[in-house]
PDB file of N, CA and C in Angstrom:
ATOM      1  N   MET A   1     -62.386  24.354-157.501  1.00  0.00           N
ATOM      2  CA  MET A   1     -61.242  24.150-156.756  1.00  0.00           C
ATOM      3  C   MET A   1     -61.461  23.018-155.743  1.00  0.00           C
ATOM      4  N   THR A   2     -60.487  22.202-155.525  1.00  0.00           N
ATOM      5  CA  THR A   2     -60.603  21.080-154.601  1.00  0.00           C
ATOM      6  C   THR A   2     -60.254  21.483-153.209  1.00  0.00           C
ATOM      7  N   ASP A   3     -60.895  20.754-152.258  1.00  0.00           N
ATOM      8  CA  ASP A   3     -60.579  21.033-150.832  1.00  0.00           C
ATOM      9  C   ASP A   3     -59.282  20.317-150.368  1.00  0.00           C
ATOM     10  N   THR A   4     -58.754  19.479-151.211  1.00  0.00           N
ATOM     11  CA  THR A   4     -57.571  18.695-150.782  1.00  0.00           C
ATOM     12  C   THR A   4     -56.411  19.059-151.711  1.00  0.00           C
ATOM     13  N   THR A   5     -55.274  19.377-151.068  1.00  0.00           N
ATOM     14  CA  THR A   5     -54.052  19.637-151.834  1.00  0.00           C
ATOM     15  C   THR A   5     -53.319  18.343-151.901  1.00  0.00           C
ATOM     16  N   GLU A   6     -52.794  17.990-153.115  1.00  0.00           N
ATOM     17  CA  GLU A   6     -52.140  16.758-153.297  1.00  0.00           C
ATOM     18  C   GLU A   6     -50.794  16.611-152.547  1.00  0.00           C
ATOM     19  N   GLU A   7     -50.045  17.636-152.596  1.00  0.00           N
ATOM     20  CA  GLU A   7     -48.673  17.500-151.996  1.00  0.00           C
ATOM     21  C   GLU A   7     -48.680  17.314-150.482  1.00  0.00           C
ATOM     22  N   ASN A   8     -49.622  17.903-149.752  1.00  0.00           N
ATOM     23  CA  ASN A   8     -49.702  17.729-148.271  1.00  0.00           C
ATOM     24  C   ASN A   8     -50.836  16.912-147.797  1.00  0.00           C
ATOM     25  N   PHE A   9     -51.661  16.485-148.735  1.00  0.00           N
ATOM     26  CA  PHE A   9     -52.893  15.743-148.341  1.00  0.00           C
ATOM     27  C   PHE A   9     -53.692  16.421-147.249  1.00  0.00           C
ATOM     28  N   VAL A  10     -53.915  17.713-147.439  1.00  0.00           N
ATOM     29  CA  VAL A  10     -54.659  18.482-146.478  1.00  0.00           C
ATOM     30  C   VAL A  10     -56.083  18.677-146.950  1.00  0.00           C
ATOM     31  N   ASN A  11     -57.010  18.391-146.085  1.00  0.00           N
ATOM     32  CA  ASN A  11     -58.419  18.572-146.405  1.00  0.00           C
ATOM     33  C   ASN A  11     -58.866  19.862-145.768  1.00  0.00           C
ATOM     34  N   LEU A  12     -58.954  20.894-146.586  1.00  0.00           N
ATOM     35  CA  LEU A  12     -59.186  22.253-146.137  1.00  0.00           C
ATOM     36  C   LEU A  12     -60.572  22.421-145.401  1.00  0.00           C
ATOM     37  N   SER A  13     -61.553  21.697-145.921  1.00  0.00           N
ATOM     38  CA  SER A  13     -62.864  21.871-145.297  1.00  0.00           C
ATOM     39  C   SER A  13     -62.861  21.191-143.896  1.00  0.00           C
ATOM     40  N   SER A  14     -62.122  20.143-143.706  1.00  0.00           N
ATOM     41  CA  SER A  14     -62.036  19.524-142.388  1.00  0.00           C
ATOM     42  C   SER A  14     -61.202  20.407-141.437  1.00  0.00           C
ATOM     43  N   VAL A  15     -60.131  21.056-141.977  1.00  0.00           N
ATOM     44  CA  VAL A  15     -59.350  21.960-141.185  1.00  0.00           C
ATOM     45  C   VAL A  15     -60.188  23.127-140.678  1.00  0.00           C
ATOM     46  N   LYS A  16     -60.937  23.701-141.620  1.00  0.00           N
ATOM     47  CA  LYS A  16     -61.844  24.832-141.206  1.00  0.00           C
ATOM     48  C   LYS A  16     -62.830  24.488-140.186  1.00  0.00           C
ATOM     49  N   LYS A  17     -63.524  23.324-140.364  1.00  0.00           N
ATOM     50  CA  LYS A  17     -64.504  22.854-139.384  1.00  0.00           C
ATOM     51  C   LYS A  17     -63.811  22.689-137.994  1.00  0.00           C
ATOM     52  N   SER A  18     -62.722  22.006-137.996  1.00  0.00           N
ATOM     53  CA  SER A  18     -61.998  21.734-136.719  1.00  0.00           C
ATOM     54  C   SER A  18     -61.489  22.991-136.114  1.00  0.00           C
ATOM     55  N   GLN A  19     -61.056  23.944-136.900  1.00  0.00           N
ATOM     56  CA  GLN A  19     -60.522  25.197-136.395  1.00  0.00           C
ATOM     57  C   GLN A  19     -61.570  25.985-135.591  1.00  0.00           C
ATOM     58  N   LYS A  20     -62.788  25.902-136.045  1.00  0.00           N
ATOM     59  CA  LYS A  20     -63.936  26.565-135.328  1.00  0.00           C
ATOM     60  C   LYS A  20     -64.122  25.978-133.964  1.00  0.00           C
ATOM     61  N   SER A  21     -63.690  24.764-133.680  1.00  0.00           N
ATOM     62  CA  SER A  21     -63.929  24.155-132.387  1.00  0.00           C
ATOM     63  C   SER A  21     -62.827  24.497-131.366  1.00  0.00           C
ATOM     64  N   ILE A  22     -61.791  25.163-131.759  1.00  0.00           N
ATOM     65  CA  ILE A  22     -60.784  25.538-130.828  1.00  0.00           C
ATOM     66  C   ILE A  22     -61.176  26.757-130.054  1.00  0.00           C
ATOM     67  N   PRO A  23     -61.190  26.673-128.744  1.00  0.00           N
ATOM     68  CA  PRO A  23     -61.574  27.746-127.870  1.00  0.00           C
ATOM     69  C   PRO A  23     -60.640  28.908-127.943  1.00  0.00           C
ATOM     70  N   SER A  24     -61.011  30.083-127.397  1.00  0.00           N
ATOM     71  CA  SER A  24     -60.167  31.262-127.404  1.00  0.00           C
ATOM     72  C   SER A  24     -58.927  30.998-126.519  1.00  0.00           C
ATOM     73  N   GLU A  25     -57.892  31.855-126.726  1.00  0.00           N
ATOM     74  CA  GLU A  25     -56.664  31.667-125.935  1.00  0.00           C
ATOM     75  C   GLU A  25     -56.955  31.817-124.405  1.00  0.00           C
ATOM     76  N   LYS A  26     -57.817  32.757-124.049  1.00  0.00           N
ATOM     77  CA  LYS A  26     -58.130  32.916-122.679  1.00  0.00           C
ATOM     78  C   LYS A  26     -58.791  31.609-122.123  1.00  0.00           C
ATOM     79  N   GLU A  27     -59.793  31.066-122.833  1.00  0.00           N
ATOM     80  CA  GLU A  27     -60.453  29.809-122.385  1.00  0.00           C
ATOM     81  C   GLU A  27     -59.394  28.659-122.325  1.00  0.00           C
ATOM     82  N   LEU A  28     -58.492  28.574-123.278  1.00  0.00           N
ATOM     83  CA  LEU A  28     -57.513  27.494-123.244  1.00  0.00           C
ATOM     84  C   LEU A  28     -56.524  27.633-122.066  1.00  0.00           C
ATOM     85  N   LEU A  29     -56.167  28.851-121.695  1.00  0.00           N
ATOM     86  CA  LEU A  29     -55.324  29.108-120.623  1.00  0.00           C
ATOM     87  C   LEU A  29     -56.054  28.696-119.308  1.00  0.00           C
ATOM     88  N   GLU A  30     -57.250  29.071-119.160  1.00  0.00           N
ATOM     89  CA  GLU A  30     -58.026  28.797-117.940  1.00  0.00           C
ATOM     90  C   GLU A  30     -58.256  27.222-117.807  1.00  0.00           C
ATOM     91  N   LEU A  31     -58.533  26.583-118.962  1.00  0.00           N
ATOM     92  CA  LEU A  31     -58.679  25.118-118.913  1.00  0.00           C
ATOM     93  C   LEU A  31     -57.372  24.470-118.587  1.00  0.00           C
ATOM     94  N   SER A  32     -56.290  24.952-119.104  1.00  0.00           N
ATOM     95  CA  SER A  32     -54.969  24.376-118.854  1.00  0.00           C
ATOM     96  C   SER A  32     -54.687  24.519-117.350  1.00  0.00           C
ATOM     97  N   GLU A  33     -55.027  25.679-116.766  1.00  0.00           N
ATOM     98  CA  GLU A  33     -54.747  25.865-115.305  1.00  0.00           C
ATOM     99  C   GLU A  33     -55.584  24.940-114.498  1.00  0.00           C
ATOM    100  N   THR A  34     -56.845  24.693-114.923  1.00  0.00           N
ATOM    101  CA  THR A  34     -57.747  23.730-114.235  1.00  0.00           C
ATOM    102  C   THR A  34     -57.089  22.304-114.237  1.00  0.00           C
ATOM    103  N   PHE A  35     -56.661  21.910-115.406  1.00  0.00           N
ATOM    104  CA  PHE A  35     -56.108  20.540-115.551  1.00  0.00           C
ATOM    105  C   PHE A  35     -54.778  20.448-114.740  1.00  0.00           C
ATOM    106  N   LYS A  36     -54.011  21.525-114.797  1.00  0.00           N
ATOM    107  CA  LYS A  36     -52.773  21.443-113.905  1.00  0.00           C
ATOM    108  C   LYS A  36     -53.123  21.305-112.490  1.00  0.00           C
ATOM    109  N   ALA A  37     -54.139  22.010-111.986  1.00  0.00           N
ATOM    110  CA  ALA A  37     -54.526  21.889-110.585  1.00  0.00           C
ATOM    111  C   ALA A  37     -55.017  20.454-110.290  1.00  0.00           C
ATOM    112  N   LEU A  38     -55.702  19.883-111.220  1.00  0.00           N
ATOM    113  CA  LEU A  38     -56.237  18.544-111.023  1.00  0.00           C
ATOM    114  C   LEU A  38     -55.195  17.471-111.222  1.00  0.00           C
ATOM    115  N   SER A  39     -54.034  17.832-111.742  1.00  0.00           N
ATOM    116  CA  SER A  39     -52.955  16.867-111.946  1.00  0.00           C
ATOM    117  C   SER A  39     -52.172  16.529-110.623  1.00  0.00           C
ATOM    118  N   ASP A  40     -52.465  17.306-109.607  1.00  0.00           N
ATOM    119  CA  ASP A  40     -51.812  17.071-108.330  1.00  0.00           C
ATOM    120  C   ASP A  40     -52.600  16.000-107.536  1.00  0.00           C
ATOM    121  N   PRO A  41     -52.007  14.915-107.110  1.00  0.00           N
ATOM    122  CA  PRO A  41     -52.709  13.876-106.398  1.00  0.00           C
ATOM    123  C   PRO A  41     -53.460  14.298-105.165  1.00  0.00           C
ATOM    124  N   THR A  42     -52.839  15.216-104.402  1.00  0.00           N
ATOM    125  CA  THR A  42     -53.493  15.633-103.141  1.00  0.00           C
ATOM    126  C   THR A  42     -54.727  16.435-103.462  1.00  0.00           C
ATOM    127  N   ARG A  43     -54.655  17.394-104.455  1.00  0.00           N
ATOM    128  CA  ARG A  43     -55.801  18.184-104.783  1.00  0.00           C
ATOM    129  C   ARG A  43     -56.891  17.277-105.416  1.00  0.00           C
ATOM    130  N   LEU A  44     -56.469  16.313-106.129  1.00  0.00           N
ATOM    131  CA  LEU A  44     -57.428  15.378-106.723  1.00  0.00           C
ATOM    132  C   LEU A  44     -58.161  14.508-105.609  1.00  0.00           C
ATOM    133  N   LYS A  45     -57.425  14.134-104.603  1.00  0.00           N
ATOM    134  CA  LYS A  45     -58.041  13.440-103.508  1.00  0.00           C
ATOM    135  C   LYS A  45     -59.089  14.308-102.758  1.00  0.00           C
ATOM    136  N   ILE A  46     -58.706  15.540-102.598  1.00  0.00           N
ATOM    137  CA  ILE A  46     -59.658  16.545-101.936  1.00  0.00           C
ATOM    138  C   ILE A  46     -60.907  16.659-102.782  1.00  0.00           C
ATOM    139  N   ILE A  47     -60.748  16.837-104.092  1.00  0.00           N
ATOM    140  CA  ILE A  47     -61.940  16.947-104.988  1.00  0.00           C
ATOM    141  C   ILE A  47     -62.747  15.681-104.917  1.00  0.00           C
ATOM    142  N   CYS A  48     -62.161  14.505-104.893  1.00  0.00           N
ATOM    143  CA  CYS A  48     -62.899  13.296-104.828  1.00  0.00           C
ATOM    144  C   CYS A  48     -63.633  13.130-103.475  1.00  0.00           C
ATOM    145  N   ALA A  49     -63.001  13.566-102.374  1.00  0.00           N
ATOM    146  CA  ALA A  49     -63.603  13.515-101.144  1.00  0.00           C
ATOM    147  C   ALA A  49     -64.874  14.446-101.076  1.00  0.00           C
ATOM    148  N   LEU A  50     -64.792  15.554-101.845  1.00  0.00           N
ATOM    149  CA  LEU A  50     -65.933  16.481-101.855  1.00  0.00           C
ATOM    150  C   LEU A  50     -67.023  16.092-102.817  1.00  0.00           C
ATOM    151  N   LEU A  51     -66.819  14.985-103.586  1.00  0.00           N
ATOM    152  CA  LEU A  51     -67.879  14.520-104.427  1.00  0.00           C
ATOM    153  C   LEU A  51     -69.119  14.123-103.627  1.00  0.00           C
ATOM    154  N   LYS A  52     -68.841  13.607-102.478  1.00  0.00           N
ATOM    155  CA  LYS A  52     -69.932  13.074-101.619  1.00  0.00           C
ATOM    156  C   LYS A  52     -70.560  13.928-100.656  1.00  0.00           C
ATOM    157  N   SER A  53     -69.741  14.843-100.103  1.00  0.00           N
ATOM    158  CA  SER A  53     -70.304  15.745 -99.071  1.00  0.00           C
ATOM    159  C   SER A  53     -69.406  16.949 -98.855  1.00  0.00           C
ATOM    160  N   GLU A  54     -69.960  17.939 -98.250  1.00  0.00           N
ATOM    161  CA  GLU A  54     -69.261  19.112 -97.751  1.00  0.00           C
ATOM    162  C   GLU A  54     -68.376  18.752 -96.591  1.00  0.00           C
ATOM    163  N   LEU A  55     -67.161  19.287 -96.584  1.00  0.00           N
ATOM    164  CA  LEU A  55     -66.243  18.864 -95.482  1.00  0.00           C
ATOM    165  C   LEU A  55     -65.465  20.091 -95.043  1.00  0.00           C
ATOM    166  N   CYS A  56     -65.018  20.137 -93.815  1.00  0.00           N
ATOM    167  CA  CYS A  56     -64.156  21.201 -93.321  1.00  0.00           C
ATOM    168  C   CYS A  56     -62.682  20.736 -93.441  1.00  0.00           C
ATOM    169  N   VAL A  57     -61.832  21.699 -93.235  1.00  0.00           N
ATOM    170  CA  VAL A  57     -60.351  21.430 -93.467  1.00  0.00           C
ATOM    171  C   VAL A  57     -59.868  20.275 -92.546  1.00  0.00           C
ATOM    172  N   GLY A  58     -60.313  20.304 -91.308  1.00  0.00           N
ATOM    173  CA  GLY A  58     -59.964  19.255 -90.358  1.00  0.00           C
ATOM    174  C   GLY A  58     -60.406  17.858 -90.843  1.00  0.00           C
ATOM    175  N   ASP A  59     -61.625  17.811 -91.345  1.00  0.00           N
ATOM    176  CA  ASP A  59     -62.142  16.502 -91.886  1.00  0.00           C
ATOM    177  C   ASP A  59     -61.321  15.968 -92.960  1.00  0.00           C
ATOM    178  N   ILE A  60     -60.924  16.884 -93.926  1.00  0.00           N
ATOM    179  CA  ILE A  60     -60.111  16.461 -95.102  1.00  0.00           C
ATOM    180  C   ILE A  60     -58.735  16.044 -94.651  1.00  0.00           C
ATOM    181  N   ALA A  61     -58.156  16.860 -93.682  1.00  0.00           N
ATOM    182  CA  ALA A  61     -56.799  16.541 -93.259  1.00  0.00           C
ATOM    183  C   ALA A  61     -56.754  15.172 -92.612  1.00  0.00           C
ATOM    184  N   LEU A  62     -57.791  14.868 -91.709  1.00  0.00           N
ATOM    185  CA  LEU A  62     -57.872  13.543 -91.096  1.00  0.00           C
ATOM    186  C   LEU A  62     -57.984  12.429 -92.151  1.00  0.00           C
ATOM    187  N   MET A  63     -58.833  12.603 -93.095  1.00  0.00           N
ATOM    188  CA  MET A  63     -59.123  11.673 -94.142  1.00  0.00           C
ATOM    189  C   MET A  63     -57.888  11.331 -94.956  1.00  0.00           C
ATOM    190  N   LEU A  64     -57.092  12.454 -95.291  1.00  0.00           N
ATOM    191  CA  LEU A  64     -55.913  12.249 -96.184  1.00  0.00           C
ATOM    192  C   LEU A  64     -54.635  12.026 -95.279  1.00  0.00           C
ATOM    193  N   GLN A  65     -54.768  12.146 -93.961  1.00  0.00           N
ATOM    194  CA  GLN A  65     -53.656  12.007 -93.044  1.00  0.00           C
ATOM    195  C   GLN A  65     -52.512  12.932 -93.362  1.00  0.00           C
ATOM    196  N   VAL A  66     -52.871  14.207 -93.560  1.00  0.00           N
ATOM    197  CA  VAL A  66     -51.966  15.266 -93.783  1.00  0.00           C
ATOM    198  C   VAL A  66     -52.279  16.455 -92.867  1.00  0.00           C
ATOM    199  N   SER A  67     -51.438  17.464 -92.829  1.00  0.00           N
ATOM    200  CA  SER A  67     -51.694  18.586 -91.924  1.00  0.00           C
ATOM    201  C   SER A  67     -52.803  19.468 -92.405  1.00  0.00           C
ATOM    202  N   ASP A  68     -53.478  20.189 -91.474  1.00  0.00           N
ATOM    203  CA  ASP A  68     -54.454  21.160 -91.785  1.00  0.00           C
ATOM    204  C   ASP A  68     -53.890  22.256 -92.734  1.00  0.00           C
ATOM    205  N   SER A  69     -52.647  22.697 -92.506  1.00  0.00           N
ATOM    206  CA  SER A  69     -52.028  23.749 -93.285  1.00  0.00           C
ATOM    207  C   SER A  69     -51.852  23.285 -94.744  1.00  0.00           C
ATOM    208  N   LEU A  70     -51.493  22.014 -94.965  1.00  0.00           N
ATOM    209  CA  LEU A  70     -51.339  21.497 -96.281  1.00  0.00           C
ATOM    210  C   LEU A  70     -52.718  21.508 -96.981  1.00  0.00           C
ATOM    211  N   VAL A  71     -53.735  21.056 -96.320  1.00  0.00           N
ATOM    212  CA  VAL A  71     -55.061  21.051 -96.855  1.00  0.00           C
ATOM    213  C   VAL A  71     -55.548  22.469 -97.213  1.00  0.00           C
ATOM    214  N   SER A  72     -55.299  23.381 -96.289  1.00  0.00           N
ATOM    215  CA  SER A  72     -55.730  24.744 -96.491  1.00  0.00           C
ATOM    216  C   SER A  72     -55.008  25.362 -97.790  1.00  0.00           C
ATOM    217  N   HIS A  73     -53.753  25.066 -97.902  1.00  0.00           N
ATOM    218  CA  HIS A  73     -52.984  25.552 -99.051  1.00  0.00           C
ATOM    219  C   HIS A  73     -53.590  24.977-100.342  1.00  0.00           C
ATOM    220  N   GLN A  74     -53.868  23.719-100.389  1.00  0.00           N
ATOM    221  CA  GLN A  74     -54.430  23.104-101.559  1.00  0.00           C
ATOM    222  C   GLN A  74     -55.800  23.592-101.843  1.00  0.00           C
ATOM    223  N   LEU A  75     -56.616  23.826-100.819  1.00  0.00           N
ATOM    224  CA  LEU A  75     -57.976  24.314-101.049  1.00  0.00           C
ATOM    225  C   LEU A  75     -57.933  25.778-101.519  1.00  0.00           C
ATOM    226  N   ARG A  76     -56.966  26.543-101.127  1.00  0.00           N
ATOM    227  CA  ARG A  76     -56.810  27.894-101.628  1.00  0.00           C
ATOM    228  C   ARG A  76     -56.554  27.908-103.196  1.00  0.00           C
ATOM    229  N   ILE A  77     -55.738  26.957-103.631  1.00  0.00           N
ATOM    230  CA  ILE A  77     -55.519  26.840-105.076  1.00  0.00           C
ATOM    231  C   ILE A  77     -56.745  26.438-105.768  1.00  0.00           C
ATOM    232  N   LEU A  78     -57.484  25.476-105.276  1.00  0.00           N
ATOM    233  CA  LEU A  78     -58.723  25.026-105.856  1.00  0.00           C
ATOM    234  C   LEU A  78     -59.826  26.120-105.846  1.00  0.00           C
ATOM    235  N   ARG A  79     -59.844  26.894-104.767  1.00  0.00           N
ATOM    236  CA  ARG A  79     -60.726  27.968-104.601  1.00  0.00           C
ATOM    237  C   ARG A  79     -60.492  29.071-105.607  1.00  0.00           C
ATOM    238  N   ASN A  80     -59.179  29.433-105.834  1.00  0.00           N
ATOM    239  CA  ASN A  80     -58.810  30.421-106.784  1.00  0.00           C
ATOM    240  C   ASN A  80     -59.239  30.051-108.242  1.00  0.00           C
ATOM    241  N   LEU A  81     -59.261  28.817-108.521  1.00  0.00           N
ATOM    242  CA  LEU A  81     -59.654  28.315-109.852  1.00  0.00           C
ATOM    243  C   LEU A  81     -61.142  28.046-109.964  1.00  0.00           C
ATOM    244  N   LYS A  82     -61.885  28.400-108.889  1.00  0.00           N
ATOM    245  CA  LYS A  82     -63.318  28.190-108.829  1.00  0.00           C
ATOM    246  C   LYS A  82     -63.759  26.764-109.017  1.00  0.00           C
ATOM    247  N   LEU A  83     -62.917  25.853-108.394  1.00  0.00           N
ATOM    248  CA  LEU A  83     -63.273  24.443-108.382  1.00  0.00           C
ATOM    249  C   LEU A  83     -63.985  24.062-107.148  1.00  0.00           C
ATOM    250  N   VAL A  84     -63.708  24.792-106.054  1.00  0.00           N
ATOM    251  CA  VAL A  84     -64.419  24.581-104.782  1.00  0.00           C
ATOM    252  C   VAL A  84     -64.862  25.961-104.238  1.00  0.00           C
ATOM    253  N   ILE A  85     -65.883  25.907-103.457  1.00  0.00           N
ATOM    254  CA  ILE A  85     -66.397  27.076-102.719  1.00  0.00           C
ATOM    255  C   ILE A  85     -66.416  26.741-101.241  1.00  0.00           C
ATOM    256  N   PHE A  86     -66.580  27.762-100.430  1.00  0.00           N
ATOM    257  CA  PHE A  86     -66.656  27.535 -98.970  1.00  0.00           C
ATOM    258  C   PHE A  86     -67.618  28.440 -98.310  1.00  0.00           C
ATOM    259  N   ARG A  87     -68.038  28.005 -97.129  1.00  0.00           N
ATOM    260  CA  ARG A  87     -68.863  28.802 -96.308  1.00  0.00           C
ATOM    261  C   ARG A  87     -68.339  28.743 -94.895  1.00  0.00           C
ATOM    262  N   LYS A  88     -68.456  29.860 -94.169  1.00  0.00           N
ATOM    263  CA  LYS A  88     -67.989  29.902 -92.812  1.00  0.00           C
ATOM    264  C   LYS A  88     -69.112  29.667 -91.854  1.00  0.00           C
ATOM    265  N   VAL A  89     -68.776  28.877 -90.869  1.00  0.00           N
ATOM    266  CA  VAL A  89     -69.651  28.596 -89.686  1.00  0.00           C
ATOM    267  C   VAL A  89     -68.727  28.833 -88.444  1.00  0.00           C
ATOM    268  N   GLY A  90     -68.924  30.002 -87.822  1.00  0.00           N
ATOM    269  CA  GLY A  90     -68.019  30.345 -86.718  1.00  0.00           C
ATOM    270  C   GLY A  90     -66.598  30.487 -87.272  1.00  0.00           C
ATOM    271  N   LYS A  91     -65.686  29.705 -86.725  1.00  0.00           N
ATOM    272  CA  LYS A  91     -64.323  29.766 -87.153  1.00  0.00           C
ATOM    273  C   LYS A  91     -64.044  28.653 -88.204  1.00  0.00           C
ATOM    274  N   ALA A  92     -64.964  27.780 -88.419  1.00  0.00           N
ATOM    275  CA  ALA A  92     -64.761  26.642 -89.372  1.00  0.00           C
ATOM    276  C   ALA A  92     -65.226  27.069 -90.783  1.00  0.00           C
ATOM    277  N   SER A  93     -64.429  26.565 -91.717  1.00  0.00           N
ATOM    278  CA  SER A  93     -64.835  26.772 -93.146  1.00  0.00           C
ATOM    279  C   SER A  93     -65.197  25.438 -93.770  1.00  0.00           C
ATOM    280  N   TYR A  94     -66.289  25.316 -94.373  1.00  0.00           N
ATOM    281  CA  TYR A  94     -66.844  24.108 -94.961  1.00  0.00           C
ATOM    282  C   TYR A  94     -66.702  24.220 -96.484  1.00  0.00           C
ATOM    283  N   TYR A  95     -66.115  23.243 -97.098  1.00  0.00           N
ATOM    284  CA  TYR A  95     -65.838  23.298 -98.489  1.00  0.00           C
ATOM    285  C   TYR A  95     -66.717  22.297 -99.286  1.00  0.00           C
ATOM    286  N   SER A  96     -67.072  22.703-100.485  1.00  0.00           N
ATOM    287  CA  SER A  96     -67.792  21.823-101.374  1.00  0.00           C
ATOM    288  C   SER A  96     -67.373  22.138-102.813  1.00  0.00           C
ATOM    289  N   LEU A  97     -67.750  21.292-103.732  1.00  0.00           N
ATOM    290  CA  LEU A  97     -67.460  21.555-105.126  1.00  0.00           C
ATOM    291  C   LEU A  97     -68.214  22.771-105.633  1.00  0.00           C
ATOM    292  N   ASP A  98     -67.620  23.578-106.449  1.00  0.00           N
ATOM    293  CA  ASP A  98     -68.191  24.829-106.929  1.00  0.00           C
ATOM    294  C   ASP A  98     -69.477  24.585-107.670  1.00  0.00           C
ATOM    295  N   ASP A  99     -69.526  23.526-108.579  1.00  0.00           N
ATOM    296  CA  ASP A  99     -70.709  23.352-109.388  1.00  0.00           C
ATOM    297  C   ASP A  99     -70.709  21.928-109.909  1.00  0.00           C
ATOM    298  N   GLU A 100     -71.773  21.535-110.584  1.00  0.00           N
ATOM    299  CA  GLU A 100     -71.960  20.174-111.117  1.00  0.00           C
ATOM    300  C   GLU A 100     -70.958  19.805-112.183  1.00  0.00           C
ATOM    301  N   HIS A 101     -70.407  20.834-112.868  1.00  0.00           N
ATOM    302  CA  HIS A 101     -69.384  20.639-113.932  1.00  0.00           C
ATOM    303  C   HIS A 101     -68.210  19.894-113.329  1.00  0.00           C
ATOM    304  N   ILE A 102     -67.787  20.298-112.154  1.00  0.00           N
ATOM    305  CA  ILE A 102     -66.579  19.676-111.562  1.00  0.00           C
ATOM    306  C   ILE A 102     -66.891  18.231-111.217  1.00  0.00           C
ATOM    307  N   ASN A 103     -68.032  18.013-110.675  1.00  0.00           N
ATOM    308  CA  ASN A 103     -68.515  16.669-110.368  1.00  0.00           C
ATOM    309  C   ASN A 103     -68.477  15.805-111.590  1.00  0.00           C
ATOM    310  N   ARG A 104     -69.052  16.258-112.674  1.00  0.00           N
ATOM    311  CA  ARG A 104     -69.056  15.487-113.919  1.00  0.00           C
ATOM    312  C   ARG A 104     -67.738  15.265-114.515  1.00  0.00           C
ATOM    313  N   LEU A 105     -66.871  16.280-114.446  1.00  0.00           N
ATOM    314  CA  LEU A 105     -65.494  16.166-114.948  1.00  0.00           C
ATOM    315  C   LEU A 105     -64.735  15.029-114.290  1.00  0.00           C
ATOM    316  N   ILE A 106     -64.816  14.989-112.950  1.00  0.00           N
ATOM    317  CA  ILE A 106     -64.091  13.966-112.183  1.00  0.00           C
ATOM    318  C   ILE A 106     -64.693  12.628-112.483  1.00  0.00           C
ATOM    319  N   LYS A 107     -66.054  12.523-112.446  1.00  0.00           N
ATOM    320  CA  LYS A 107     -66.639  11.188-112.719  1.00  0.00           C
ATOM    321  C   LYS A 107     -66.368  10.681-114.069  1.00  0.00           C
ATOM    322  N   GLU A 108     -66.342  11.548-115.136  1.00  0.00           N
ATOM    323  CA  GLU A 108     -66.044  11.136-116.467  1.00  0.00           C
ATOM    324  C   GLU A 108     -64.534  10.737-116.601  1.00  0.00           C
ATOM    325  N   GLY A 109     -63.671  11.433-115.886  1.00  0.00           N
ATOM    326  CA  GLY A 109     -62.234  11.060-115.887  1.00  0.00           C
ATOM    327  C   GLY A 109     -62.046   9.712-115.268  1.00  0.00           C
ATOM    328  N   LEU A 110     -62.783   9.443-114.150  1.00  0.00           N
ATOM    329  CA  LEU A 110     -62.642   8.130-113.485  1.00  0.00           C
ATOM    330  C   LEU A 110     -63.184   7.011-114.386  1.00  0.00           C
ATOM    331  N   LEU A 111     -64.274   7.252-115.047  1.00  0.00           N
ATOM    332  CA  LEU A 111     -64.790   6.255-115.973  1.00  0.00           C
ATOM    333  C   LEU A 111     -63.775   5.932-117.050  1.00  0.00           C
ATOM    334  N   HIS A 112     -63.104   7.019-117.543  1.00  0.00           N
ATOM    335  CA  HIS A 112     -62.115   6.784-118.625  1.00  0.00           C
ATOM    336  C   HIS A 112     -60.969   5.980-118.090  1.00  0.00           C
ATOM    337  N   VAL A 113     -60.379   6.293-116.925  1.00  0.00           N
ATOM    338  CA  VAL A 113     -59.207   5.531-116.492  1.00  0.00           C
ATOM    339  C   VAL A 113     -59.606   4.066-116.011  1.00  0.00           C
ATOM    340  N   ARG A 114     -60.807   3.927-115.572  1.00  0.00           N
ATOM    341  CA  ARG A 114     -61.249   2.560-115.205  1.00  0.00           C
ATOM    342  C   ARG A 114     -61.473   1.737-116.396  1.00  0.00           C
ATOM    343  N   ASP A 115     -61.845   2.286-117.570  1.00  0.00           N
ATOM    344  CA  ASP A 115     -62.054   1.571-118.816  1.00  0.00           C
ATOM    345  C   ASP A 115     -60.671   1.141-119.408  1.00  0.00           C
ATOM    346  N   LEU A 116     -59.594   1.809-119.021  1.00  0.00           N
ATOM    347  CA  LEU A 116     -58.265   1.447-119.481  1.00  0.00           C
ATOM    348  C   LEU A 116     -57.762   0.143-118.889  1.00  0.00           C
ATOM    349  N   ASP A 117     -58.298  -0.257-117.775  1.00  0.00           N
ATOM    350  CA  ASP A 117     -57.870  -1.442-117.072  1.00  0.00           C
ATOM    351  C   ASP A 117     -58.232  -2.709-117.769  1.00  0.00           C
TER     352      ASP A 117
END
């Protein structure tokens, strides 16, 4: 039996190989939510700012020239998706990227868009 059907030109062995690479529905949903969060320019600016160092809400607000409450709201979204973590020092919360994966994801994305120029 051949792996290719003539009427649809489907290569069944390629389909089966590719099908194995599709993540579970749960993983796809979580990845989709991550990319949705990163599609917002303000959240992306926050992530980029955190590539270099840990920052508090006030630092980020000053850098982006927006209100502390806007930054806090965006950080809460990023925190819920495990893209950033925070630590408390007195009343201040200091934010950083959750792990190296986020750092690599942003850097690879930047390489990609810079290559498009």
